[in-house]
């Protein structure tokens, strides 16, 4: 079965946030951490995986990404802190 992921990266605790989607979370985190992804995350050094959610279809993950991007910043922070209160980089568990 193929999975898709919506994820949130942070520059630091309560720092700059980036929301994205991928079908390969390990590969995507490798790309972010090694500066292979041009754009916002690279420019603002947003490399720490602080939240992710797995979905089974692309439509669901894209809808979830749009939903999260529309949220107020404090709602995003609350979501992160509910599952990752110490803002640990979850990508270390992936590698």
C-alpha atoms as a PDB file:
ATOM      1  CA  UNK A   1       0.000   0.000   0.000  1.00  0.00           C
ATOM      2  CA  UNK A   2       1.228   3.499  -0.854  1.00  0.00           C
ATOM      3  CA  UNK A   3       1.184   6.210   1.799  1.00  0.00           C
ATOM      4  CA  UNK A   4       1.333   9.978   1.613  1.00  0.00           C
ATOM      5  CA  UNK A   5       2.404  12.399   4.316  1.00  0.00           C
ATOM      6  CA  UNK A   6       1.664  15.943   5.331  1.00  0.00           C
ATOM      7  CA  UNK A   7       4.428  17.330   7.498  1.00  0.00           C
ATOM      8  CA  UNK A   8       5.448  20.421   9.427  1.00  0.00           C
ATOM      9  CA  UNK A   9       9.046  21.583   9.687  1.00  0.00           C
ATOM     10  CA  UNK A  10      10.276  24.198  12.164  1.00  0.00           C
ATOM     11  CA  UNK A  11      13.432  26.269  12.358  1.00  0.00           C
ATOM     12  CA  UNK A  12      13.354  26.004  16.175  1.00  0.00           C
ATOM     13  CA  UNK A  13      10.791  25.773  18.978  1.00  0.00           C
ATOM     14  CA  UNK A  14       7.966  28.153  18.032  1.00  0.00           C
ATOM     15  CA  UNK A  15      10.095  29.372  15.115  1.00  0.00           C
ATOM     16  CA  UNK A  16       9.375  29.573  11.412  1.00  0.00           C
ATOM     17  CA  UNK A  17       7.042  26.813  10.185  1.00  0.00           C
ATOM     18  CA  UNK A  18       6.809  25.084   6.813  1.00  0.00           C
ATOM     19  CA  UNK A  19       4.026  22.701   5.744  1.00  0.00           C
ATOM     20  CA  UNK A  20       4.479  20.238   2.878  1.00  0.00           C
ATOM     21  CA  UNK A  21       3.368  16.911   1.437  1.00  0.00           C
ATOM     22  CA  UNK A  22       5.300  13.928   0.105  1.00  0.00           C
ATOM     23  CA  UNK A  23       4.934  10.283  -0.814  1.00  0.00           C
ATOM     24  CA  UNK A  24       8.341   9.443   0.697  1.00  0.00           C
ATOM     25  CA  UNK A  25       8.984  11.116   4.054  1.00  0.00           C
ATOM     26  CA  UNK A  26      12.508   9.726   4.506  1.00  0.00           C
ATOM     27  CA  UNK A  27      13.638  10.949   1.093  1.00  0.00           C
ATOM     28  CA  UNK A  28      11.996  14.335   1.589  1.00  0.00           C
ATOM     29  CA  UNK A  29      13.633  14.885   4.981  1.00  0.00           C
ATOM     30  CA  UNK A  30      17.002  13.933   3.478  1.00  0.00           C
ATOM     31  CA  UNK A  31      16.438  16.523   0.737  1.00  0.00           C
ATOM     32  CA  UNK A  32      15.475  19.250   3.230  1.00  0.00           C
ATOM     33  CA  UNK A  33      18.351  18.532   5.620  1.00  0.00           C
ATOM     34  CA  UNK A  34      20.923  18.532   2.817  1.00  0.00           C
ATOM     35  CA  UNK A  35      19.687  21.721   1.175  1.00  0.00           C
ATOM     36  CA  UNK A  36      18.475  19.936  -1.951  1.00  0.00           C
ATOM     37  CA  UNK A  37      15.026  21.580  -1.849  1.00  0.00           C
ATOM     38  CA  UNK A  38      15.141  25.164  -3.094  1.00  0.00           C
ATOM     39  CA  UNK A  39      12.662  27.672  -1.757  1.00  0.00           C
ATOM     40  CA  UNK A  40      11.163  28.738   1.551  1.00  0.00           C
ATOM     41  CA  UNK A  41      12.449  25.927   3.779  1.00  0.00           C
ATOM     42  CA  UNK A  42      16.030  26.296   2.559  1.00  0.00           C
ATOM     43  CA  UNK A  43      15.969  30.099   2.653  1.00  0.00           C
ATOM     44  CA  UNK A  44      14.738  30.208   6.266  1.00  0.00           C
ATOM     45  CA  UNK A  45      16.637  27.109   7.469  1.00  0.00           C
ATOM     46  CA  UNK A  46      13.485  25.191   8.355  1.00  0.00           C
ATOM     47  CA  UNK A  47      14.817  21.630   8.722  1.00  0.00           C
ATOM     48  CA  UNK A  48      13.360  20.064  11.894  1.00  0.00           C
ATOM     49  CA  UNK A  49      10.473  17.653  11.387  1.00  0.00           C
ATOM     50  CA  UNK A  50       8.113  18.431  14.282  1.00  0.00           C
ATOM     51  CA  UNK A  51       4.839  16.878  13.041  1.00  0.00           C
ATOM     52  CA  UNK A  52       3.677  14.477  10.366  1.00  0.00           C
ATOM     53  CA  UNK A  53       0.508  12.640   9.482  1.00  0.00           C
ATOM     54  CA  UNK A  54       0.140   9.614   7.214  1.00  0.00           C
ATOM     55  CA  UNK A  55      -2.725   9.327   4.714  1.00  0.00           C
ATOM     56  CA  UNK A  56      -3.638   6.565   2.303  1.00  0.00           C
ATOM     57  CA  UNK A  57      -4.630   8.678  -0.694  1.00  0.00           C
ATOM     58  CA  UNK A  58      -3.245  11.774  -2.362  1.00  0.00           C
ATOM     59  CA  UNK A  59      -6.521  13.687  -2.261  1.00  0.00           C
ATOM     60  CA  UNK A  60      -6.742  13.360   1.529  1.00  0.00           C
ATOM     61  CA  UNK A  61      -3.181  14.506   2.110  1.00  0.00           C
ATOM     62  CA  UNK A  62      -3.532  17.512  -0.198  1.00  0.00           C
ATOM     63  CA  UNK A  63      -6.787  18.480   1.503  1.00  0.00           C
ATOM     64  CA  UNK A  64      -5.119  18.176   4.927  1.00  0.00           C
ATOM     65  CA  UNK A  65      -2.188  20.324   3.765  1.00  0.00           C
ATOM     66  CA  UNK A  66      -4.556  23.069   2.557  1.00  0.00           C
ATOM     67  CA  UNK A  67      -6.488  22.830   5.801  1.00  0.00           C
ATOM     68  CA  UNK A  68      -3.346  23.192   7.948  1.00  0.00           C
ATOM     69  CA  UNK A  69      -1.987  26.059   5.856  1.00  0.00           C
ATOM     70  CA  UNK A  70      -5.241  27.958   6.435  1.00  0.00           C
ATOM     71  CA  UNK A  71      -4.972  27.612  10.224  1.00  0.00           C
ATOM     72  CA  UNK A  72      -3.821  30.419  12.488  1.00  0.00           C
ATOM     73  CA  UNK A  73      -0.244  30.080  13.675  1.00  0.00           C
ATOM     74  CA  UNK A  74      -1.277  29.377  17.281  1.00  0.00           C
ATOM     75  CA  UNK A  75      -3.471  26.467  16.131  1.00  0.00           C
ATOM     76  CA  UNK A  76      -0.487  24.940  14.309  1.00  0.00           C
ATOM     77  CA  UNK A  77       1.690  25.375  17.397  1.00  0.00           C
ATOM     78  CA  UNK A  78      -0.978  23.731  19.558  1.00  0.00           C
ATOM     79  CA  UNK A  79      -1.175  20.778  17.133  1.00  0.00           C
ATOM     80  CA  UNK A  80       2.601  20.318  17.277  1.00  0.00           C
ATOM     81  CA  UNK A  81       2.731  20.595  21.061  1.00  0.00           C
ATOM     82  CA  UNK A  82      -0.084  18.046  21.539  1.00  0.00           C
ATOM     83  CA  UNK A  83       2.034  15.319  19.907  1.00  0.00           C
ATOM     84  CA  UNK A  84       5.565  16.693  20.263  1.00  0.00           C
ATOM     85  CA  UNK A  85       5.687  19.013  23.310  1.00  0.00           C
ATOM     86  CA  UNK A  86       9.498  19.226  23.310  1.00  0.00           C
ATOM     87  CA  UNK A  87       9.635  20.075  19.591  1.00  0.00           C
ATOM     88  CA  UNK A  88      12.068  17.206  18.981  1.00  0.00           C
ATOM     89  CA  UNK A  89      13.249  16.584  15.433  1.00  0.00           C
ATOM     90  CA  UNK A  90      11.210  13.497  14.529  1.00  0.00           C
ATOM     91  CA  UNK A  91      13.288  12.794  11.438  1.00  0.00           C
ATOM     92  CA  UNK A  92      15.985  11.206  13.615  1.00  0.00           C
ATOM     93  CA  UNK A  93      13.538   8.331  14.187  1.00  0.00           C
ATOM     94  CA  UNK A  94      13.153   7.843  10.417  1.00  0.00           C
ATOM     95  CA  UNK A  95      16.811   7.304   9.534  1.00  0.00           C
END
